[in-house]
Amino acid sequence: EKGAEWEVTPGGMVVQKRDPESGPPAAVVPTIRVKVK
């Protein structure tokens, strides 16, 4: 009913289907606080 964008995980959860060609999610670049005198 949801369509081709969804799939069932081995644990039985209905989740959004992942693109097999897409790599791992990019790491989040942290924001830092710089003290400038």
PDB file of all heavy atoms in Angstrom:
ATOM      1  N   GLU A   1       0.821  -1.207   0.000  1.00  0.00           N
ATOM      2  CA  GLU A   1       0.000   0.000   0.000  1.00  0.00           C
ATOM      3  C   GLU A   1       0.860   1.263   0.000  1.00  0.00           C
ATOM      4  O   GLU A   1       0.533   2.257  -0.628  1.00  0.00           O
ATOM      5  CB  GLU A   1      -0.923   0.007   1.231  1.00  0.00           C
ATOM      6  CG  GLU A   1      -2.026  -1.048   1.139  1.00  0.00           C
ATOM      7  CD  GLU A   1      -2.896  -1.047   2.373  1.00  0.00           C
ATOM      8  OE1 GLU A   1      -2.517  -0.349   3.342  1.00  0.00           O
ATOM      9  OE2 GLU A   1      -3.936  -1.722   2.388  1.00  0.00           O
ATOM     10  N   LYS A   2       1.991   1.229   0.723  1.00  0.00           N
ATOM     11  CA  LYS A   2       2.863   2.388   0.793  1.00  0.00           C
ATOM     12  C   LYS A   2       3.630   2.615  -0.504  1.00  0.00           C
ATOM     13  O   LYS A   2       4.007   3.725  -0.832  1.00  0.00           O
ATOM     14  CB  LYS A   2       3.862   2.234   1.964  1.00  0.00           C
ATOM     15  CG  LYS A   2       3.227   2.490   3.323  1.00  0.00           C
ATOM     16  CD  LYS A   2       4.266   2.360   4.417  1.00  0.00           C
ATOM     17  CE  LYS A   2       3.687   2.740   5.764  1.00  0.00           C
ATOM     18  NZ  LYS A   2       3.424   4.190   5.854  1.00  0.00           N
ATOM     19  N   GLY A   3       3.877   1.552  -1.237  1.00  0.00           N
ATOM     20  CA  GLY A   3       4.569   1.700  -2.514  1.00  0.00           C
ATOM     21  C   GLY A   3       5.988   1.166  -2.446  1.00  0.00           C
ATOM     22  O   GLY A   3       6.433   0.593  -1.437  1.00  0.00           O
ATOM     23  N   ALA A   4       6.726   1.413  -3.556  1.00  0.00           N
ATOM     24  CA  ALA A   4       8.059   0.826  -3.703  1.00  0.00           C
ATOM     25  C   ALA A   4       9.104   1.482  -2.824  1.00  0.00           C
ATOM     26  O   ALA A   4      10.227   1.008  -2.731  1.00  0.00           O
ATOM     27  CB  ALA A   4       8.489   0.914  -5.167  1.00  0.00           C
ATOM     28  N   GLU A   5       8.797   2.618  -2.162  1.00  0.00           N
ATOM     29  CA  GLU A   5       9.788   3.306  -1.351  1.00  0.00           C
ATOM     30  C   GLU A   5       9.922   2.708   0.042  1.00  0.00           C
ATOM     31  O   GLU A   5      10.713   3.202   0.842  1.00  0.00           O
ATOM     32  CB  GLU A   5       9.410   4.788  -1.233  1.00  0.00           C
ATOM     33  CG  GLU A   5       9.457   5.527  -2.568  1.00  0.00           C
ATOM     34  CD  GLU A   5       9.108   6.983  -2.396  1.00  0.00           C
ATOM     35  OE1 GLU A   5       8.756   7.371  -1.255  1.00  0.00           O
ATOM     36  OE2 GLU A   5       9.178   7.741  -3.380  1.00  0.00           O
ATOM     37  N   TRP A   6       9.164   1.683   0.351  1.00  0.00           N
ATOM     38  CA  TRP A   6       9.173   1.107   1.698  1.00  0.00           C
ATOM     39  C   TRP A   6       9.525  -0.376   1.637  1.00  0.00           C
ATOM     40  O   TRP A   6       9.336  -1.046   0.635  1.00  0.00           O
ATOM     41  CB  TRP A   6       7.807   1.298   2.364  1.00  0.00           C
ATOM     42  CG  TRP A   6       7.446   2.746   2.513  1.00  0.00           C
ATOM     43  CD1 TRP A   6       6.872   3.552   1.569  1.00  0.00           C
ATOM     44  CD2 TRP A   6       7.682   3.572   3.641  1.00  0.00           C
ATOM     45  NE1 TRP A   6       6.725   4.819   2.040  1.00  0.00           N
ATOM     46  CE2 TRP A   6       7.200   4.873   3.314  1.00  0.00           C
ATOM     47  CE3 TRP A   6       8.224   3.348   4.926  1.00  0.00           C
ATOM     48  CZ2 TRP A   6       7.268   5.933   4.209  1.00  0.00           C
ATOM     49  CZ3 TRP A   6       8.283   4.405   5.808  1.00  0.00           C
ATOM     50  CH2 TRP A   6       7.817   5.678   5.454  1.00  0.00           C
ATOM     51  N   GLU A   7      10.074  -0.911   2.748  1.00  0.00           N
ATOM     52  CA  GLU A   7      10.455  -2.319   2.842  1.00  0.00           C
ATOM     53  C   GLU A   7      10.308  -2.793   4.276  1.00  0.00           C
ATOM     54  O   GLU A   7      10.185  -2.000   5.210  1.00  0.00           O
ATOM     55  CB  GLU A   7      11.914  -2.498   2.389  1.00  0.00           C
ATOM     56  CG  GLU A   7      12.936  -1.791   3.278  1.00  0.00           C
ATOM     57  CD  GLU A   7      14.362  -1.982   2.788  1.00  0.00           C
ATOM     58  OE1 GLU A   7      14.554  -2.732   1.814  1.00  0.00           O
ATOM     59  OE2 GLU A   7      15.276  -1.395   3.391  1.00  0.00           O
ATOM     60  N   VAL A   8      10.303  -4.121   4.426  1.00  0.00           N
ATOM     61  CA  VAL A   8      10.194  -4.727   5.749  1.00  0.00           C
ATOM     62  C   VAL A   8      11.565  -5.232   6.178  1.00  0.00           C
ATOM     63  O   VAL A   8      12.226  -5.957   5.437  1.00  0.00           O
ATOM     64  CB  VAL A   8       9.194  -5.912   5.737  1.00  0.00           C
ATOM     65  CG1 VAL A   8       9.085  -6.532   7.130  1.00  0.00           C
ATOM     66  CG2 VAL A   8       7.837  -5.443   5.264  1.00  0.00           C
ATOM     67  N   THR A   9      12.012  -4.819   7.351  1.00  0.00           N
ATOM     68  CA  THR A   9      13.309  -5.256   7.860  1.00  0.00           C
ATOM     69  C   THR A   9      13.199  -6.677   8.368  1.00  0.00           C
ATOM     70  O   THR A   9      12.093  -7.183   8.595  1.00  0.00           O
ATOM     71  CB  THR A   9      13.775  -4.347   9.006  1.00  0.00           C
ATOM     72  OG1 THR A   9      12.889  -4.526  10.113  1.00  0.00           O
ATOM     73  CG2 THR A   9      13.774  -2.895   8.586  1.00  0.00           C
ATOM     74  N   PRO A  10      14.352  -7.376   8.558  1.00  0.00           N
ATOM     75  CA  PRO A  10      14.308  -8.731   9.123  1.00  0.00           C
ATOM     76  C   PRO A  10      13.596  -8.784  10.476  1.00  0.00           C
ATOM     77  O   PRO A  10      13.047  -9.803  10.853  1.00  0.00           O
ATOM     78  CB  PRO A  10      15.798  -9.083   9.259  1.00  0.00           C
ATOM     79  CG  PRO A  10      16.462  -8.278   8.181  1.00  0.00           C
ATOM     80  CD  PRO A  10      15.701  -6.991   8.145  1.00  0.00           C
ATOM     81  N   GLY A  11      13.601  -7.686  11.192  1.00  0.00           N
ATOM     82  CA  GLY A  11      12.925  -7.653  12.486  1.00  0.00           C
ATOM     83  C   GLY A  11      11.430  -7.402  12.379  1.00  0.00           C
ATOM     84  O   GLY A  11      10.720  -7.361  13.383  1.00  0.00           O
ATOM     85  N   GLY A  12      10.941  -7.193  11.153  1.00  0.00           N
ATOM     86  CA  GLY A  12       9.514  -7.009  10.959  1.00  0.00           C
ATOM     87  C   GLY A  12       9.058  -5.571  10.928  1.00  0.00           C
ATOM     88  O   GLY A  12       7.857  -5.310  10.883  1.00  0.00           O
ATOM     89  N   MET A  13       9.980  -4.579  10.931  1.00  0.00           N
ATOM     90  CA  MET A  13       9.595  -3.173  10.909  1.00  0.00           C
ATOM     91  C   MET A  13       9.459  -2.679   9.474  1.00  0.00           C
ATOM     92  O   MET A  13      10.239  -3.065   8.599  1.00  0.00           O
ATOM     93  CB  MET A  13      10.633  -2.321  11.645  1.00  0.00           C
ATOM     94  CG  MET A  13      10.731  -2.604  13.129  1.00  0.00           C
ATOM     95  SD  MET A  13      11.982  -1.551  13.921  1.00  0.00           S
ATOM     96  CE  MET A  13      11.271   0.072  13.594  1.00  0.00           C
ATOM     97  N   VAL A  14       8.459  -1.849   9.240  1.00  0.00           N
ATOM     98  CA  VAL A  14       8.276  -1.227   7.940  1.00  0.00           C
ATOM     99  C   VAL A  14       9.060   0.077   7.926  1.00  0.00           C
ATOM    100  O   VAL A  14       8.777   0.990   8.704  1.00  0.00           O
ATOM    101  CB  VAL A  14       6.783  -0.936   7.661  1.00  0.00           C
ATOM    102  CG1 VAL A  14       6.630  -0.252   6.295  1.00  0.00           C
ATOM    103  CG2 VAL A  14       5.978  -2.216   7.705  1.00  0.00           C
ATOM    104  N   VAL A  15      10.073   0.155   7.075  1.00  0.00           N
ATOM    105  CA  VAL A  15      10.936   1.327   7.020  1.00  0.00           C
ATOM    106  C   VAL A  15      11.070   1.792   5.578  1.00  0.00           C
ATOM    107  O   VAL A  15      10.709   1.066   4.634  1.00  0.00           O
ATOM    108  CB  VAL A  15      12.341   1.027   7.591  1.00  0.00           C
ATOM    109  CG1 VAL A  15      12.266   0.649   9.059  1.00  0.00           C
ATOM    110  CG2 VAL A  15      13.020  -0.098   6.799  1.00  0.00           C
ATOM    111  N   GLN A  16      11.604   3.025   5.409  1.00  0.00           N
ATOM    112  CA  GLN A  16      11.838   3.542   4.066  1.00  0.00           C
ATOM    113  C   GLN A  16      12.980   2.771   3.428  1.00  0.00           C
ATOM    114  O   GLN A  16      14.005   2.509   4.053  1.00  0.00           O
ATOM    115  CB  GLN A  16      12.170   5.034   4.126  1.00  0.00           C
ATOM    116  CG  GLN A  16      12.155   5.704   2.759  1.00  0.00           C
ATOM    117  CD  GLN A  16      12.250   7.217   2.879  1.00  0.00           C
ATOM    118  OE1 GLN A  16      12.443   7.731   3.968  1.00  0.00           O
ATOM    119  NE2 GLN A  16      12.097   7.924   1.768  1.00  0.00           N
ATOM    120  N   LYS A  17      12.779   2.383   2.187  1.00  0.00           N
ATOM    121  CA  LYS A  17      13.773   1.582   1.492  1.00  0.00           C
ATOM    122  C   LYS A  17      15.051   2.378   1.261  1.00  0.00           C
ATOM    123  O   LYS A  17      15.006   3.538   0.873  1.00  0.00           O
ATOM    124  CB  LYS A  17      13.214   1.109   0.151  1.00  0.00           C
ATOM    125  CG  LYS A  17      14.150   0.152  -0.610  1.00  0.00           C
ATOM    126  CD  LYS A  17      13.528  -0.297  -1.919  1.00  0.00           C
ATOM    127  CE  LYS A  17      12.311  -1.158  -1.681  1.00  0.00           C
ATOM    128  NZ  LYS A  17      11.767  -1.704  -2.959  1.00  0.00           N
ATOM    129  N   ARG A  18      16.196   1.771   1.499  1.00  0.00           N
ATOM    130  CA  ARG A  18      17.486   2.415   1.296  1.00  0.00           C
ATOM    131  C   ARG A  18      18.007   2.149  -0.097  1.00  0.00           C
ATOM    132  O   ARG A  18      17.777   1.086  -0.668  1.00  0.00           O
ATOM    133  CB  ARG A  18      18.493   1.896   2.325  1.00  0.00           C
ATOM    134  CG  ARG A  18      18.216   2.327   3.750  1.00  0.00           C
ATOM    135  CD  ARG A  18      19.036   1.554   4.738  1.00  0.00           C
ATOM    136  NE  ARG A  18      18.625   0.132   4.741  1.00  0.00           N
ATOM    137  CZ  ARG A  18      19.177  -0.786   5.535  1.00  0.00           C
ATOM    138  NH1 ARG A  18      20.135  -0.455   6.361  1.00  0.00           N
ATOM    139  NH2 ARG A  18      18.750  -2.031   5.487  1.00  0.00           N
ATOM    140  N   ASP A  19      18.715   3.138  -0.645  1.00  0.00           N
ATOM    141  CA  ASP A  19      19.323   2.988  -1.959  1.00  0.00           C
ATOM    142  C   ASP A  19      20.590   2.160  -1.815  1.00  0.00           C
ATOM    143  O   ASP A  19      21.543   2.582  -1.153  1.00  0.00           O
ATOM    144  CB  ASP A  19      19.664   4.367  -2.538  1.00  0.00           C
ATOM    145  CG  ASP A  19      20.214   4.270  -3.965  1.00  0.00           C
ATOM    146  OD1 ASP A  19      20.350   3.138  -4.472  1.00  0.00           O
ATOM    147  OD2 ASP A  19      20.501   5.327  -4.552  1.00  0.00           O
ATOM    148  N   PRO A  20      20.622   0.979  -2.433  1.00  0.00           N
ATOM    149  CA  PRO A  20      21.819   0.131  -2.272  1.00  0.00           C
ATOM    150  C   PRO A  20      23.084   0.753  -2.827  1.00  0.00           C
ATOM    151  O   PRO A  20      24.188   0.408  -2.430  1.00  0.00           O
ATOM    152  CB  PRO A  20      21.443  -1.144  -3.075  1.00  0.00           C
ATOM    153  CG  PRO A  20      20.388  -0.690  -4.040  1.00  0.00           C
ATOM    154  CD  PRO A  20      19.625   0.381  -3.329  1.00  0.00           C
ATOM    155  N   GLU A  21      22.945   1.700  -3.770  1.00  0.00           N
ATOM    156  CA  GLU A  21      24.125   2.319  -4.366  1.00  0.00           C
ATOM    157  C   GLU A  21      24.649   3.484  -3.540  1.00  0.00           C
ATOM    158  O   GLU A  21      25.764   3.942  -3.747  1.00  0.00           O
ATOM    159  CB  GLU A  21      23.791   2.814  -5.781  1.00  0.00           C
ATOM    160  CG  GLU A  21      23.444   1.678  -6.741  1.00  0.00           C
ATOM    161  CD  GLU A  21      23.177   2.187  -8.139  1.00  0.00           C
ATOM    162  OE1 GLU A  21      23.252   3.424  -8.324  1.00  0.00           O
ATOM    163  OE2 GLU A  21      22.911   1.370  -9.029  1.00  0.00           O
ATOM    164  N   SER A  22      23.815   3.978  -2.652  1.00  0.00           N
ATOM    165  CA  SER A  22      24.267   5.106  -1.841  1.00  0.00           C
ATOM    166  C   SER A  22      25.179   4.615  -0.741  1.00  0.00           C
ATOM    167  O   SER A  22      24.943   3.567  -0.137  1.00  0.00           O
ATOM    168  CB  SER A  22      23.072   5.852  -1.239  1.00  0.00           C
ATOM    169  OG  SER A  22      22.368   4.997  -0.362  1.00  0.00           O
ATOM    170  N   GLY A  23      26.225   5.351  -0.475  1.00  0.00           N
ATOM    171  CA  GLY A  23      27.185   4.949   0.553  1.00  0.00           C
ATOM    172  C   GLY A  23      26.667   5.264   1.937  1.00  0.00           C
ATOM    173  O   GLY A  23      25.515   5.692   2.116  1.00  0.00           O
ATOM    174  N   PRO A  24      27.500   5.083   2.925  1.00  0.00           N
ATOM    175  CA  PRO A  24      27.094   5.397   4.298  1.00  0.00           C
ATOM    176  C   PRO A  24      26.850   6.899   4.439  1.00  0.00           C
ATOM    177  O   PRO A  24      27.410   7.696   3.686  1.00  0.00           O
ATOM    178  CB  PRO A  24      28.300   4.955   5.137  1.00  0.00           C
ATOM    179  CG  PRO A  24      29.454   4.970   4.176  1.00  0.00           C
ATOM    180  CD  PRO A  24      28.875   4.588   2.853  1.00  0.00           C
ATOM    181  N   PRO A  25      25.981   7.307   5.336  1.00  0.00           N
ATOM    182  CA  PRO A  25      25.691   8.735   5.507  1.00  0.00           C
ATOM    183  C   PRO A  25      26.948   9.526   5.834  1.00  0.00           C
ATOM    184  O   PRO A  25      27.824   9.057   6.560  1.00  0.00           O
ATOM    185  CB  PRO A  25      24.693   8.764   6.679  1.00  0.00           C
ATOM    186  CG  PRO A  25      24.911   7.460   7.392  1.00  0.00           C
ATOM    187  CD  PRO A  25      25.287   6.484   6.334  1.00  0.00           C
ATOM    188  N   ALA A  26      27.040  10.709   5.262  1.00  0.00           N
ATOM    189  CA  ALA A  26      28.222  11.534   5.482  1.00  0.00           C
ATOM    190  C   ALA A  26      28.315  11.972   6.936  1.00  0.00           C
ATOM    191  O   ALA A  26      27.304  12.216   7.591  1.00  0.00           O
ATOM    192  CB  ALA A  26      28.168  12.770   4.575  1.00  0.00           C
ATOM    193  N   ALA A  27      29.534  12.011   7.438  1.00  0.00           N
ATOM    194  CA  ALA A  27      29.739  12.408   8.830  1.00  0.00           C
ATOM    195  C   ALA A  27      29.378  13.880   9.002  1.00  0.00           C
ATOM    196  O   ALA A  27      29.656  14.698   8.132  1.00  0.00           O
ATOM    197  CB  ALA A  27      31.193  12.169   9.220  1.00  0.00           C
ATOM    198  N   VAL A  28      28.761  14.195  10.084  1.00  0.00           N
ATOM    199  CA  VAL A  28      28.368  15.569  10.358  1.00  0.00           C
ATOM    200  C   VAL A  28      29.600  16.366  10.779  1.00  0.00           C
ATOM    201  O   VAL A  28      30.340  15.963  11.677  1.00  0.00           O
ATOM    202  CB  VAL A  28      27.306  15.622  11.478  1.00  0.00           C
ATOM    203  CG1 VAL A  28      26.939  17.067  11.790  1.00  0.00           C
ATOM    204  CG2 VAL A  28      26.068  14.838  11.066  1.00  0.00           C
ATOM    205  N   VAL A  29      29.815  17.494  10.096  1.00  0.00           N
ATOM    206  CA  VAL A  29      30.954  18.352  10.435  1.00  0.00           C
ATOM    207  C   VAL A  29      30.579  19.164  11.670  1.00  0.00           C
ATOM    208  O   VAL A  29      29.608  19.911  11.646  1.00  0.00           O
ATOM    209  CB  VAL A  29      31.305  19.300   9.271  1.00  0.00           C
ATOM    210  CG1 VAL A  29      32.459  20.207   9.659  1.00  0.00           C
ATOM    211  CG2 VAL A  29      31.654  18.491   8.020  1.00  0.00           C
ATOM    212  N   PRO A  30      31.331  19.037  12.737  1.00  0.00           N
ATOM    213  CA  PRO A  30      30.965  19.742  13.970  1.00  0.00           C
ATOM    214  C   PRO A  30      31.190  21.248  13.880  1.00  0.00           C
ATOM    215  O   PRO A  30      32.075  21.720  13.174  1.00  0.00           O
ATOM    216  CB  PRO A  30      31.894  19.110  15.015  1.00  0.00           C
ATOM    217  CG  PRO A  30      33.092  18.656  14.231  1.00  0.00           C
ATOM    218  CD  PRO A  30      32.545  18.215  12.903  1.00  0.00           C
ATOM    219  N   THR A  31      30.348  21.967  14.592  1.00  0.00           N
ATOM    220  CA  THR A  31      30.528  23.410  14.744  1.00  0.00           C
ATOM    221  C   THR A  31      31.280  23.654  16.041  1.00  0.00           C
ATOM    222  O   THR A  31      30.933  23.096  17.080  1.00  0.00           O
ATOM    223  CB  THR A  31      29.169  24.128  14.788  1.00  0.00           C
ATOM    224  OG1 THR A  31      28.495  23.926  13.536  1.00  0.00           O
ATOM    225  CG2 THR A  31      29.352  25.631  15.022  1.00  0.00           C
ATOM    226  N   ILE A  32      32.315  24.471  15.958  1.00  0.00           N
ATOM    227  CA  ILE A  32      33.126  24.729  17.147  1.00  0.00           C
ATOM    228  C   ILE A  32      32.982  26.191  17.565  1.00  0.00           C
ATOM    229  O   ILE A  32      32.565  27.036  16.772  1.00  0.00           O
ATOM    230  CB  ILE A  32      34.613  24.389  16.905  1.00  0.00           C
ATOM    231  CG1 ILE A  32      35.173  25.225  15.738  1.00  0.00           C
ATOM    232  CG2 ILE A  32      34.793  22.903  16.629  1.00  0.00           C
ATOM    233  CD1 ILE A  32      36.661  25.029  15.491  1.00  0.00           C
ATOM    234  N   ARG A  33      33.341  26.469  18.785  1.00  0.00           N
ATOM    235  CA  ARG A  33      33.311  27.827  19.306  1.00  0.00           C
ATOM    236  C   ARG A  33      34.753  28.300  19.466  1.00  0.00           C
ATOM    237  O   ARG A  33      35.513  27.750  20.248  1.00  0.00           O
ATOM    238  CB  ARG A  33      32.578  27.880  20.646  1.00  0.00           C
ATOM    239  CG  ARG A  33      32.542  29.271  21.265  1.00  0.00           C
ATOM    240  CD  ARG A  33      31.672  29.315  22.494  1.00  0.00           C
ATOM    241  NE  ARG A  33      32.106  28.347  23.499  1.00  0.00           N
ATOM    242  CZ  ARG A  33      31.502  28.189  24.688  1.00  0.00           C
ATOM    243  NH1 ARG A  33      30.440  28.912  24.991  1.00  0.00           N
ATOM    244  NH2 ARG A  33      31.952  27.302  25.545  1.00  0.00           N
ATOM    245  N   VAL A  34      35.092  29.319  18.677  1.00  0.00           N
ATOM    246  CA  VAL A  34      36.454  29.861  18.701  1.00  0.00           C
ATOM    247  C   VAL A  34      36.438  31.187  19.455  1.00  0.00           C
ATOM    248  O   VAL A  34      35.616  32.059  19.179  1.00  0.00           O
ATOM    249  CB  VAL A  34      36.997  30.069  17.272  1.00  0.00           C
ATOM    250  CG1 VAL A  34      38.415  30.628  17.316  1.00  0.00           C
ATOM    251  CG2 VAL A  34      36.976  28.766  16.489  1.00  0.00           C
ATOM    252  N   LYS A  35      37.346  31.326  20.401  1.00  0.00           N
ATOM    253  CA  LYS A  35      37.450  32.572  21.162  1.00  0.00           C
ATOM    254  C   LYS A  35      38.536  33.438  20.530  1.00  0.00           C
ATOM    255  O   LYS A  35      39.710  33.078  20.527  1.00  0.00           O
ATOM    256  CB  LYS A  35      37.795  32.265  22.617  1.00  0.00           C
ATOM    257  CG  LYS A  35      36.687  31.544  23.376  1.00  0.00           C
ATOM    258  CD  LYS A  35      37.046  31.368  24.842  1.00  0.00           C
ATOM    259  CE  LYS A  35      35.899  30.735  25.617  1.00  0.00           C
ATOM    260  NZ  LYS A  35      36.205  30.597  27.066  1.00  0.00           N
ATOM    261  N   VAL A  36      38.109  34.548  19.971  1.00  0.00           N
ATOM    262  CA  VAL A  36      39.039  35.452  19.278  1.00  0.00           C
ATOM    263  C   VAL A  36      39.276  36.679  20.151  1.00  0.00           C
ATOM    264  O   VAL A  36      38.332  37.404  20.484  1.00  0.00           O
ATOM    265  CB  VAL A  36      38.481  35.874  17.910  1.00  0.00           C
ATOM    266  CG1 VAL A  36      39.483  36.778  17.189  1.00  0.00           C
ATOM    267  CG2 VAL A  36      38.176  34.645  17.058  1.00  0.00           C
ATOM    268  N   LYS A  37      40.531  36.920  20.490  1.00  0.00           N
ATOM    269  CA  LYS A  37      40.882  38.083  21.310  1.00  0.00           C
ATOM    270  C   LYS A  37      41.295  39.230  20.424  1.00  0.00           C
ATOM    271  O   LYS A  37      42.209  39.122  19.620  1.00  0.00           O
ATOM    272  CB  LYS A  37      42.019  37.734  22.272  1.00  0.00           C
ATOM    273  CG  LYS A  37      42.391  38.890  23.198  1.00  0.00           C
ATOM    274  CD  LYS A  37      43.551  38.524  24.108  1.00  0.00           C
ATOM    275  CE  LYS A  37      43.904  39.691  25.035  1.00  0.00           C
ATOM    276  NZ  LYS A  37      45.080  39.410  25.874  1.00  0.00           N
TER     277      LYS A  37
END
